[in-house]
Amino acid sequence: MSVTAAAQVIHGLTGPAVEGVLFERYWPSIAQVLLRQGFSWSALTELAAMETRDDSVIETKLGELHGQIDRYLRGAPRLDSWDVVAGTYGRAWRMDLIDPISAMWRMDNLWWRIRKLDRKDRGGLLVIWAGIGVKEQDDGTLPSQAVDMLGVDVLSEADLLIPPGAVDYELCKAVREALDANGY
């Protein structure tokens, strides 16, 4: 796993644009995965030790973690938060953590969060909108295999939005569980 690429992904997932997309109460378990993988930001250590169910406390710590990762990344490019969210669907599909049709239905649930955002030149938002379009075709008029293949196309594109080696199976599974807990 690439340390910088993983930091870019976590930075994107902790950004204010996607606050609340991952169920906050899952962040301590995500932080524990990252600690096992050798990351050591102080906010990450504190987050991993949290037993609180108070989302505002977790959100405050996520803000600190975002800032620490931002300083760590220095001149490295930042990933758009929605690219990371969409990319996580693609990577989870590649790792057999979600099937194409389920991913399209989960992307559709993001509609309320993205409906007013400008999609211009934002790959992640365009991929999510494509997933929403595929979900709309899962109405019984097309064979499920055809809808599945359309989903594979969307997820293949989504997977390209995050760097290779950015997330391993354990981290992807933890992030997927946090998304799933919020219906995404």
N, C-alpha and C. Protein backbone atom coordinates (compact mmCIF):
# COMPACT_ATOMS: atom_id res chain seq x y z
N MET A 1 0.85 -1.18 0.00
CA MET A 1 0.00 0.00 0.00
C MET A 1 0.90 1.24 0.00
N SER A 2 0.60 2.18 -0.87
CA SER A 2 1.35 3.44 -0.96
C SER A 2 0.93 4.37 0.16
N VAL A 3 1.90 4.82 0.94
CA VAL A 3 1.62 5.69 2.09
C VAL A 3 1.01 7.01 1.64
N THR A 4 1.61 7.65 0.64
CA THR A 4 1.10 8.94 0.17
C THR A 4 -0.29 8.77 -0.42
N ALA A 5 -0.49 7.75 -1.24
CA ALA A 5 -1.80 7.53 -1.86
C ALA A 5 -2.87 7.26 -0.80
N ALA A 6 -2.53 6.47 0.21
CA ALA A 6 -3.49 6.20 1.29
C ALA A 6 -3.80 7.49 2.04
N ALA A 7 -2.79 8.31 2.28
CA ALA A 7 -3.01 9.60 2.96
C ALA A 7 -3.92 10.50 2.13
N GLN A 8 -3.73 10.49 0.81
CA GLN A 8 -4.60 11.29 -0.07
C GLN A 8 -6.05 10.83 0.04
N VAL A 9 -6.27 9.52 0.09
CA VAL A 9 -7.62 8.98 0.19
C VAL A 9 -8.24 9.36 1.53
N ILE A 10 -7.53 9.17 2.63
CA ILE A 10 -8.07 9.51 3.94
C ILE A 10 -8.31 11.01 4.04
N HIS A 11 -7.41 11.81 3.47
CA HIS A 11 -7.60 13.26 3.44
C HIS A 11 -8.92 13.59 2.74
N GLY A 12 -9.17 12.94 1.60
CA GLY A 12 -10.42 13.17 0.87
C GLY A 12 -11.65 12.75 1.66
N LEU A 13 -11.54 11.65 2.38
CA LEU A 13 -12.69 11.15 3.15
C LEU A 13 -12.96 11.97 4.41
N THR A 14 -11.96 12.72 4.87
CA THR A 14 -12.16 13.54 6.06
C THR A 14 -12.48 14.99 5.71
N GLY A 15 -12.58 15.29 4.41
CA GLY A 15 -12.85 16.65 3.98
C GLY A 15 -14.26 17.09 4.33
N PRO A 16 -14.42 18.40 4.54
CA PRO A 16 -15.74 18.92 4.92
C PRO A 16 -16.82 18.69 3.87
N ALA A 17 -16.44 18.56 2.60
CA ALA A 17 -17.43 18.36 1.53
C ALA A 17 -18.21 17.07 1.70
N VAL A 18 -17.60 16.07 2.31
CA VAL A 18 -18.27 14.77 2.45
C VAL A 18 -18.56 14.43 3.91
N GLU A 19 -18.58 15.46 4.76
CA GLU A 19 -18.87 15.23 6.17
C GLU A 19 -20.20 14.50 6.32
N GLY A 20 -20.19 13.43 7.07
CA GLY A 20 -21.40 12.66 7.32
C GLY A 20 -21.69 11.58 6.30
N VAL A 21 -20.92 11.50 5.22
CA VAL A 21 -21.14 10.43 4.24
C VAL A 21 -20.75 9.09 4.85
N LEU A 22 -19.63 9.06 5.52
CA LEU A 22 -19.25 7.87 6.28
C LEU A 22 -19.84 8.01 7.68
N PHE A 23 -20.46 6.98 8.17
CA PHE A 23 -21.08 7.03 9.49
C PHE A 23 -19.99 7.30 10.52
N GLU A 24 -20.10 8.44 11.21
CA GLU A 24 -19.04 8.90 12.11
C GLU A 24 -18.59 7.85 13.12
N ARG A 25 -19.51 7.09 13.61
CA ARG A 25 -19.17 6.12 14.67
C ARG A 25 -18.27 4.99 14.17
N TYR A 26 -18.08 4.90 12.85
CA TYR A 26 -17.18 3.89 12.29
C TYR A 26 -15.75 4.41 12.17
N TRP A 27 -15.55 5.70 12.34
CA TRP A 27 -14.21 6.25 12.19
C TRP A 27 -13.19 5.68 13.18
N PRO A 28 -13.56 5.42 14.44
CA PRO A 28 -12.55 4.80 15.32
C PRO A 28 -12.04 3.46 14.78
N SER A 29 -12.91 2.66 14.17
CA SER A 29 -12.43 1.38 13.62
C SER A 29 -11.59 1.61 12.36
N ILE A 30 -11.93 2.61 11.55
CA ILE A 30 -11.08 2.95 10.40
C ILE A 30 -9.72 3.41 10.89
N ALA A 31 -9.71 4.22 11.94
CA ALA A 31 -8.45 4.71 12.51
C ALA A 31 -7.60 3.56 13.04
N GLN A 32 -8.23 2.58 13.64
CA GLN A 32 -7.48 1.42 14.14
C GLN A 32 -6.82 0.66 12.99
N VAL A 33 -7.51 0.53 11.87
CA VAL A 33 -6.92 -0.11 10.69
C VAL A 33 -5.70 0.67 10.24
N LEU A 34 -5.83 1.98 10.17
CA LEU A 34 -4.72 2.82 9.72
C LEU A 34 -3.53 2.75 10.68
N LEU A 35 -3.80 2.69 11.97
CA LEU A 35 -2.70 2.56 12.95
C LEU A 35 -1.97 1.23 12.75
N ARG A 36 -2.72 0.17 12.51
CA ARG A 36 -2.08 -1.14 12.27
C ARG A 36 -1.21 -1.11 11.01
N GLN A 37 -1.55 -0.22 10.10
CA GLN A 37 -0.79 -0.12 8.86
C GLN A 37 0.38 0.85 8.97
N GLY A 38 0.59 1.40 10.17
CA GLY A 38 1.78 2.22 10.40
C GLY A 38 1.57 3.72 10.37
N PHE A 39 0.35 4.20 10.15
CA PHE A 39 0.11 5.64 10.19
C PHE A 39 0.09 6.09 11.64
N SER A 40 0.54 7.32 11.90
CA SER A 40 0.71 7.70 13.31
C SER A 40 0.35 9.15 13.61
N TRP A 41 -0.52 9.77 12.85
CA TRP A 41 -0.93 11.12 13.18
C TRP A 41 -1.60 11.10 14.56
N SER A 42 -1.35 12.14 15.35
CA SER A 42 -1.86 12.15 16.73
C SER A 42 -3.40 12.10 16.75
N ALA A 43 -4.05 12.80 15.85
CA ALA A 43 -5.52 12.77 15.82
C ALA A 43 -6.02 11.37 15.47
N LEU A 44 -5.27 10.65 14.66
CA LEU A 44 -5.63 9.28 14.30
C LEU A 44 -5.56 8.38 15.53
N THR A 45 -4.50 8.53 16.31
CA THR A 45 -4.34 7.75 17.54
C THR A 45 -5.48 8.03 18.51
N GLU A 46 -5.83 9.31 18.65
CA GLU A 46 -6.93 9.69 19.55
C GLU A 46 -8.27 9.16 19.03
N LEU A 47 -8.45 9.24 17.73
CA LEU A 47 -9.68 8.74 17.11
C LEU A 47 -9.83 7.23 17.31
N ALA A 48 -8.73 6.51 17.16
CA ALA A 48 -8.76 5.05 17.32
C ALA A 48 -9.13 4.64 18.74
N ALA A 49 -8.78 5.49 19.71
CA ALA A 49 -9.05 5.17 21.12
C ALA A 49 -10.44 5.62 21.58
N MET A 50 -11.15 6.32 20.74
CA MET A 50 -12.46 6.87 21.15
C MET A 50 -13.49 5.78 21.34
N GLU A 51 -14.27 5.96 22.39
CA GLU A 51 -15.40 5.07 22.65
C GLU A 51 -16.71 5.84 22.66
N THR A 52 -16.64 7.13 22.32
CA THR A 52 -17.82 7.99 22.36
C THR A 52 -18.78 7.68 21.23
N ARG A 53 -20.02 7.99 21.45
CA ARG A 53 -21.03 7.89 20.40
C ARG A 53 -21.47 9.30 19.99
N ASP A 54 -20.76 10.31 20.49
CA ASP A 54 -21.07 11.71 20.19
C ASP A 54 -20.43 12.08 18.86
N ASP A 55 -21.27 12.21 17.82
CA ASP A 55 -20.76 12.49 16.48
C ASP A 55 -19.99 13.80 16.42
N SER A 56 -20.39 14.80 17.21
CA SER A 56 -19.70 16.10 17.15
C SER A 56 -18.26 15.98 17.66
N VAL A 57 -18.01 15.12 18.64
CA VAL A 57 -16.65 14.90 19.14
C VAL A 57 -15.81 14.22 18.05
N ILE A 58 -16.40 13.25 17.40
CA ILE A 58 -15.70 12.55 16.31
C ILE A 58 -15.44 13.50 15.15
N GLU A 59 -16.42 14.32 14.80
CA GLU A 59 -16.25 15.27 13.70
C GLU A 59 -15.13 16.27 13.99
N THR A 60 -15.03 16.72 15.23
CA THR A 60 -13.95 17.63 15.62
C THR A 60 -12.60 16.95 15.42
N LYS A 61 -12.50 15.71 15.84
CA LYS A 61 -11.24 14.96 15.69
C LYS A 61 -10.93 14.71 14.22
N LEU A 62 -11.96 14.47 13.42
CA LEU A 62 -11.76 14.29 11.97
C LEU A 62 -11.21 15.56 11.33
N GLY A 63 -11.68 16.71 11.80
CA GLY A 63 -11.16 17.99 11.31
C GLY A 63 -9.68 18.13 11.64
N GLU A 64 -9.30 17.73 12.84
CA GLU A 64 -7.88 17.76 13.23
C GLU A 64 -7.07 16.81 12.36
N LEU A 65 -7.60 15.61 12.15
CA LEU A 65 -6.91 14.62 11.31
C LEU A 65 -6.74 15.15 9.89
N HIS A 66 -7.78 15.76 9.35
CA HIS A 66 -7.72 16.34 8.01
C HIS A 66 -6.57 17.36 7.92
N GLY A 67 -6.47 18.21 8.92
CA GLY A 67 -5.39 19.21 8.94
C GLY A 67 -4.01 18.58 9.05
N GLN A 68 -3.89 17.55 9.88
CA GLN A 68 -2.59 16.87 10.03
C GLN A 68 -2.18 16.19 8.73
N ILE A 69 -3.13 15.56 8.07
CA ILE A 69 -2.81 14.90 6.80
C ILE A 69 -2.47 15.96 5.74
N ASP A 70 -3.17 17.08 5.77
CA ASP A 70 -2.88 18.16 4.83
C ASP A 70 -1.43 18.62 4.97
N ARG A 71 -0.99 18.78 6.20
CA ARG A 71 0.42 19.17 6.43
C ARG A 71 1.37 18.07 5.99
N TYR A 72 1.02 16.82 6.23
CA TYR A 72 1.84 15.69 5.83
C TYR A 72 2.01 15.64 4.30
N LEU A 73 0.93 15.90 3.58
CA LEU A 73 0.96 15.80 2.12
C LEU A 73 1.78 16.91 1.46
N ARG A 74 1.97 18.02 2.14
CA ARG A 74 2.72 19.16 1.62
C ARG A 74 2.35 19.46 0.18
N GLY A 75 3.28 19.22 -0.75
CA GLY A 75 3.06 19.56 -2.15
C GLY A 75 2.38 18.48 -2.97
N ALA A 76 2.08 17.34 -2.35
CA ALA A 76 1.41 16.26 -3.09
C ALA A 76 0.00 16.70 -3.47
N PRO A 77 -0.49 16.25 -4.62
CA PRO A 77 -1.85 16.65 -5.02
C PRO A 77 -2.90 16.14 -4.04
N ARG A 78 -3.95 16.92 -3.91
CA ARG A 78 -5.10 16.51 -3.09
C ARG A 78 -6.14 15.90 -4.02
N LEU A 79 -6.82 14.89 -3.53
CA LEU A 79 -7.89 14.27 -4.30
C LEU A 79 -9.21 14.94 -3.94
N ASP A 80 -10.04 15.17 -4.93
CA ASP A 80 -11.38 15.69 -4.69
C ASP A 80 -12.12 14.67 -3.81
N SER A 81 -12.79 15.16 -2.79
CA SER A 81 -13.48 14.26 -1.86
C SER A 81 -14.49 13.37 -2.56
N TRP A 82 -15.19 13.90 -3.55
CA TRP A 82 -16.18 13.09 -4.26
C TRP A 82 -15.51 12.07 -5.18
N ASP A 83 -14.30 12.37 -5.66
CA ASP A 83 -13.53 11.37 -6.40
C ASP A 83 -13.20 10.19 -5.50
N VAL A 84 -12.86 10.51 -4.26
CA VAL A 84 -12.51 9.45 -3.31
C VAL A 84 -13.74 8.61 -2.97
N VAL A 85 -14.86 9.25 -2.72
CA VAL A 85 -16.09 8.51 -2.41
C VAL A 85 -16.44 7.59 -3.58
N ALA A 86 -16.47 8.14 -4.79
CA ALA A 86 -16.80 7.33 -5.97
C ALA A 86 -15.74 6.25 -6.18
N GLY A 87 -14.48 6.62 -6.02
CA GLY A 87 -13.40 5.66 -6.20
C GLY A 87 -13.46 4.50 -5.22
N THR A 88 -13.97 4.78 -4.05
CA THR A 88 -14.11 3.72 -3.04
C THR A 88 -15.11 2.66 -3.50
N TYR A 89 -16.16 3.08 -4.19
CA TYR A 89 -17.10 2.09 -4.74
C TYR A 89 -16.39 1.19 -5.74
N GLY A 90 -15.61 1.82 -6.63
CA GLY A 90 -14.89 1.04 -7.63
C GLY A 90 -13.89 0.07 -7.01
N ARG A 91 -13.15 0.55 -6.02
CA ARG A 91 -12.16 -0.32 -5.38
C ARG A 91 -12.84 -1.43 -4.59
N ALA A 92 -13.94 -1.11 -3.93
CA ALA A 92 -14.68 -2.14 -3.18
C ALA A 92 -15.22 -3.21 -4.12
N TRP A 93 -15.66 -2.80 -5.30
CA TRP A 93 -16.12 -3.77 -6.30
C TRP A 93 -14.96 -4.64 -6.75
N ARG A 94 -13.81 -4.05 -7.03
CA ARG A 94 -12.64 -4.83 -7.45
C ARG A 94 -12.24 -5.86 -6.39
N MET A 95 -12.47 -5.51 -5.13
CA MET A 95 -12.09 -6.39 -4.02
C MET A 95 -13.24 -7.30 -3.59
N ASP A 96 -14.29 -7.35 -4.39
CA ASP A 96 -15.47 -8.20 -4.12
C ASP A 96 -16.16 -7.86 -2.80
N LEU A 97 -16.18 -6.58 -2.45
CA LEU A 97 -16.88 -6.14 -1.25
C LEU A 97 -18.28 -5.63 -1.55
N ILE A 98 -18.57 -5.40 -2.83
CA ILE A 98 -19.91 -4.96 -3.24
C ILE A 98 -20.11 -5.38 -4.69
N ASP A 99 -21.34 -5.77 -5.01
CA ASP A 99 -21.63 -6.15 -6.40
C ASP A 99 -22.08 -4.91 -7.18
N PRO A 100 -22.01 -4.97 -8.50
CA PRO A 100 -22.32 -3.78 -9.30
C PRO A 100 -23.71 -3.19 -9.07
N ILE A 101 -24.72 -4.03 -9.01
CA ILE A 101 -26.09 -3.50 -8.86
C ILE A 101 -26.26 -2.85 -7.48
N SER A 102 -25.75 -3.48 -6.45
CA SER A 102 -25.84 -2.88 -5.11
C SER A 102 -25.10 -1.55 -5.07
N ALA A 103 -23.95 -1.48 -5.72
CA ALA A 103 -23.19 -0.23 -5.75
C ALA A 103 -24.00 0.88 -6.43
N MET A 104 -24.70 0.55 -7.51
CA MET A 104 -25.50 1.56 -8.20
C MET A 104 -26.63 2.07 -7.30
N TRP A 105 -27.27 1.17 -6.59
CA TRP A 105 -28.35 1.56 -5.67
C TRP A 105 -27.79 2.41 -4.53
N ARG A 106 -26.60 2.07 -4.04
CA ARG A 106 -25.98 2.86 -2.97
C ARG A 106 -25.58 4.24 -3.49
N MET A 107 -25.06 4.30 -4.71
CA MET A 107 -24.72 5.61 -5.30
C MET A 107 -25.97 6.47 -5.43
N ASP A 108 -27.08 5.84 -5.80
CA ASP A 108 -28.34 6.56 -5.94
C ASP A 108 -28.73 7.26 -4.64
N ASN A 109 -28.38 6.66 -3.52
CA ASN A 109 -28.70 7.26 -2.22
C ASN A 109 -27.92 8.55 -1.97
N LEU A 110 -26.86 8.79 -2.73
CA LEU A 110 -26.08 10.02 -2.58
C LEU A 110 -26.73 11.21 -3.28
N TRP A 111 -27.81 10.97 -4.01
CA TRP A 111 -28.45 12.02 -4.78
C TRP A 111 -28.72 13.27 -3.95
N TRP A 112 -29.24 13.10 -2.75
CA TRP A 112 -29.57 14.26 -1.90
C TRP A 112 -28.34 15.09 -1.57
N ARG A 113 -27.21 14.45 -1.49
CA ARG A 113 -25.98 15.17 -1.14
C ARG A 113 -25.34 15.87 -2.33
N ILE A 114 -25.54 15.33 -3.53
CA ILE A 114 -24.82 15.87 -4.69
C ILE A 114 -25.70 16.64 -5.67
N ARG A 115 -26.99 16.63 -5.47
CA ARG A 115 -27.92 17.15 -6.48
C ARG A 115 -27.66 18.60 -6.86
N LYS A 116 -27.12 19.41 -5.96
CA LYS A 116 -26.92 20.83 -6.25
C LYS A 116 -25.45 21.18 -6.51
N LEU A 117 -24.59 20.16 -6.53
CA LEU A 117 -23.16 20.42 -6.75
C LEU A 117 -22.85 20.53 -8.23
N ASP A 118 -21.90 21.38 -8.56
CA ASP A 118 -21.46 21.56 -9.94
C ASP A 118 -20.62 20.36 -10.35
N ARG A 119 -21.07 19.67 -11.39
CA ARG A 119 -20.38 18.45 -11.84
C ARG A 119 -19.23 18.74 -12.80
N LYS A 120 -19.14 19.94 -13.30
CA LYS A 120 -18.16 20.25 -14.34
C LYS A 120 -16.75 19.88 -13.87
N ASP A 121 -16.10 19.06 -14.67
CA ASP A 121 -14.71 18.64 -14.43
C ASP A 121 -14.52 17.94 -13.08
N ARG A 122 -15.54 17.27 -12.59
CA ARG A 122 -15.43 16.55 -11.32
C ARG A 122 -15.79 15.10 -11.56
N GLY A 123 -14.75 14.30 -11.79
CA GLY A 123 -14.92 12.90 -12.17
C GLY A 123 -15.77 12.10 -11.21
N GLY A 124 -15.56 12.28 -9.92
CA GLY A 124 -16.32 11.51 -8.94
C GLY A 124 -17.81 11.79 -9.00
N LEU A 125 -18.17 13.06 -9.13
CA LEU A 125 -19.59 13.41 -9.24
C LEU A 125 -20.18 12.85 -10.53
N LEU A 126 -19.43 12.92 -11.62
CA LEU A 126 -19.92 12.37 -12.89
C LEU A 126 -20.12 10.87 -12.80
N VAL A 127 -19.21 10.17 -12.13
CA VAL A 127 -19.34 8.73 -11.95
C VAL A 127 -20.57 8.40 -11.09
N ILE A 128 -20.76 9.14 -10.02
CA ILE A 128 -21.92 8.90 -9.16
C ILE A 128 -23.21 9.14 -9.94
N TRP A 129 -23.26 10.22 -10.73
CA TRP A 129 -24.44 10.46 -11.56
C TRP A 129 -24.64 9.34 -12.56
N ALA A 130 -23.56 8.81 -13.13
CA ALA A 130 -23.68 7.68 -14.05
C ALA A 130 -24.26 6.47 -13.32
N GLY A 131 -23.80 6.25 -12.08
CA GLY A 131 -24.34 5.16 -11.26
C GLY A 131 -25.81 5.33 -10.98
N ILE A 132 -26.22 6.56 -10.73
CA ILE A 132 -27.64 6.85 -10.51
C ILE A 132 -28.44 6.51 -11.77
N GLY A 133 -27.88 6.85 -12.93
CA GLY A 133 -28.53 6.53 -14.19
C GLY A 133 -28.67 5.03 -14.41
N VAL A 134 -27.64 4.28 -14.04
CA VAL A 134 -27.71 2.82 -14.17
C VAL A 134 -28.77 2.26 -13.23
N LYS A 135 -28.81 2.77 -12.02
CA LYS A 135 -29.82 2.30 -11.06
C LYS A 135 -31.22 2.51 -11.60
N GLU A 136 -31.44 3.64 -12.29
CA GLU A 136 -32.76 3.93 -12.87
C GLU A 136 -33.13 2.89 -13.93
N GLN A 137 -32.13 2.27 -14.54
CA GLN A 137 -32.40 1.25 -15.56
C GLN A 137 -32.67 -0.12 -14.94
N ASP A 138 -32.48 -0.24 -13.64
CA ASP A 138 -32.73 -1.50 -12.94
C ASP A 138 -34.20 -1.56 -12.53
N ASP A 139 -35.07 -1.44 -13.52
CA ASP A 139 -36.51 -1.41 -13.26
C ASP A 139 -37.23 -2.62 -13.85
N GLY A 140 -36.47 -3.61 -14.30
CA GLY A 140 -37.08 -4.82 -14.83
C GLY A 140 -37.24 -4.81 -16.34
N THR A 141 -37.01 -3.66 -17.00
CA THR A 141 -37.16 -3.63 -18.45
C THR A 141 -35.93 -4.19 -19.17
N LEU A 142 -34.78 -4.12 -18.53
CA LEU A 142 -33.55 -4.70 -19.08
C LEU A 142 -33.22 -5.98 -18.33
N PRO A 143 -32.58 -6.92 -18.98
CA PRO A 143 -32.12 -8.11 -18.25
C PRO A 143 -31.11 -7.69 -17.17
N SER A 144 -31.14 -8.35 -16.04
CA SER A 144 -30.24 -7.98 -14.94
C SER A 144 -28.78 -8.05 -15.35
N GLN A 145 -28.45 -8.96 -16.27
CA GLN A 145 -27.06 -9.06 -16.74
C GLN A 145 -26.65 -7.79 -17.47
N ALA A 146 -27.56 -7.19 -18.23
CA ALA A 146 -27.25 -5.94 -18.94
C ALA A 146 -27.02 -4.80 -17.95
N VAL A 147 -27.87 -4.71 -16.93
CA VAL A 147 -27.71 -3.67 -15.91
C VAL A 147 -26.40 -3.90 -15.15
N ASP A 148 -26.11 -5.15 -14.87
CA ASP A 148 -24.86 -5.51 -14.18
C ASP A 148 -23.65 -5.03 -14.99
N MET A 149 -23.68 -5.24 -16.30
CA MET A 149 -22.55 -4.83 -17.15
C MET A 149 -22.43 -3.31 -17.20
N LEU A 150 -23.54 -2.60 -17.21
CA LEU A 150 -23.49 -1.14 -17.15
C LEU A 150 -22.86 -0.69 -15.83
N GLY A 151 -23.23 -1.39 -14.74
CA GLY A 151 -22.64 -1.10 -13.43
C GLY A 151 -21.14 -1.37 -13.42
N VAL A 152 -20.72 -2.44 -14.07
CA VAL A 152 -19.29 -2.76 -14.16
C VAL A 152 -18.55 -1.63 -14.87
N ASP A 153 -19.14 -1.08 -15.92
CA ASP A 153 -18.51 0.03 -16.64
C ASP A 153 -18.32 1.24 -15.72
N VAL A 154 -19.36 1.57 -14.95
CA VAL A 154 -19.29 2.70 -14.03
C VAL A 154 -18.24 2.44 -12.96
N LEU A 155 -18.24 1.24 -12.40
CA LEU A 155 -17.30 0.92 -11.33
C LEU A 155 -15.86 0.83 -11.82
N SER A 156 -15.68 0.41 -13.06
CA SER A 156 -14.33 0.39 -13.64
C SER A 156 -13.77 1.81 -13.73
N GLU A 157 -14.64 2.74 -14.13
CA GLU A 157 -14.23 4.14 -14.19
C GLU A 157 -14.00 4.70 -12.78
N ALA A 158 -14.86 4.33 -11.85
CA ALA A 158 -14.73 4.80 -10.47
C ALA A 158 -13.41 4.35 -9.86
N ASP A 159 -13.02 3.13 -10.14
CA ASP A 159 -11.79 2.58 -9.58
C ASP A 159 -10.57 3.39 -9.99
N LEU A 160 -10.63 4.02 -11.14
CA LEU A 160 -9.50 4.82 -11.64
C LEU A 160 -9.36 6.16 -10.92
N LEU A 161 -10.36 6.54 -10.14
CA LEU A 161 -10.33 7.84 -9.47
C LEU A 161 -9.41 7.89 -8.25
N ILE A 162 -9.06 6.74 -7.71
CA ILE A 162 -8.10 6.73 -6.60
C ILE A 162 -6.86 5.96 -7.05
N PRO A 163 -5.70 6.37 -6.54
CA PRO A 163 -4.45 5.76 -7.01
C PRO A 163 -4.38 4.26 -6.71
N PRO A 164 -3.71 3.52 -7.60
CA PRO A 164 -3.47 2.10 -7.31
C PRO A 164 -2.67 2.00 -6.01
N GLY A 165 -2.98 1.03 -5.22
CA GLY A 165 -2.25 0.83 -3.97
C GLY A 165 -2.63 1.79 -2.87
N ALA A 166 -3.68 2.59 -3.08
CA ALA A 166 -4.09 3.57 -2.07
C ALA A 166 -4.79 2.93 -0.89
N VAL A 167 -5.53 1.86 -1.15
CA VAL A 167 -6.24 1.17 -0.07
C VAL A 167 -6.07 -0.33 -0.24
N ASP A 168 -5.83 -0.99 0.87
CA ASP A 168 -5.78 -2.44 0.83
C ASP A 168 -7.16 -2.99 1.21
N TYR A 169 -7.29 -4.28 1.25
CA TYR A 169 -8.59 -4.91 1.51
C TYR A 169 -9.14 -4.50 2.87
N GLU A 170 -8.31 -4.52 3.90
CA GLU A 170 -8.79 -4.20 5.25
C GLU A 170 -9.31 -2.77 5.35
N LEU A 171 -8.58 -1.83 4.79
CA LEU A 171 -9.02 -0.43 4.83
C LEU A 171 -10.27 -0.24 3.98
N CYS A 172 -10.29 -0.83 2.80
CA CYS A 172 -11.45 -0.70 1.92
C CYS A 172 -12.70 -1.27 2.60
N LYS A 173 -12.55 -2.39 3.25
CA LYS A 173 -13.68 -3.01 3.95
C LYS A 173 -14.18 -2.11 5.08
N ALA A 174 -13.28 -1.50 5.83
CA ALA A 174 -13.68 -0.61 6.93
C ALA A 174 -14.41 0.62 6.40
N VAL A 175 -13.91 1.19 5.31
CA VAL A 175 -14.56 2.36 4.71
C VAL A 175 -15.92 1.96 4.11
N ARG A 176 -15.96 0.83 3.45
CA ARG A 176 -17.21 0.33 2.86
C ARG A 176 -18.27 0.14 3.95
N GLU A 177 -17.88 -0.42 5.10
CA GLU A 177 -18.83 -0.61 6.21
C GLU A 177 -19.35 0.72 6.71
N ALA A 178 -18.49 1.74 6.78
CA ALA A 178 -18.92 3.05 7.25
C ALA A 178 -19.87 3.72 6.25
N LEU A 179 -19.62 3.52 4.96
CA LEU A 179 -20.54 4.03 3.94
C LEU A 179 -21.88 3.29 4.02
N ASP A 180 -21.81 1.98 4.11
CA ASP A 180 -23.00 1.14 4.14
C ASP A 180 -23.88 1.47 5.34
N ALA A 181 -23.27 1.77 6.47
CA ALA A 181 -24.03 2.08 7.69
C ALA A 181 -24.90 3.33 7.51
N ASN A 182 -24.49 4.21 6.59
CA ASN A 182 -25.27 5.41 6.30
C ASN A 182 -26.15 5.24 5.07
N GLY A 183 -26.18 4.03 4.52
CA GLY A 183 -27.01 3.76 3.35
C GLY A 183 -26.35 4.11 2.04
N TYR A 184 -25.04 4.36 2.08
CA TYR A 184 -24.32 4.74 0.85
C TYR A 184 -23.48 3.60 0.36
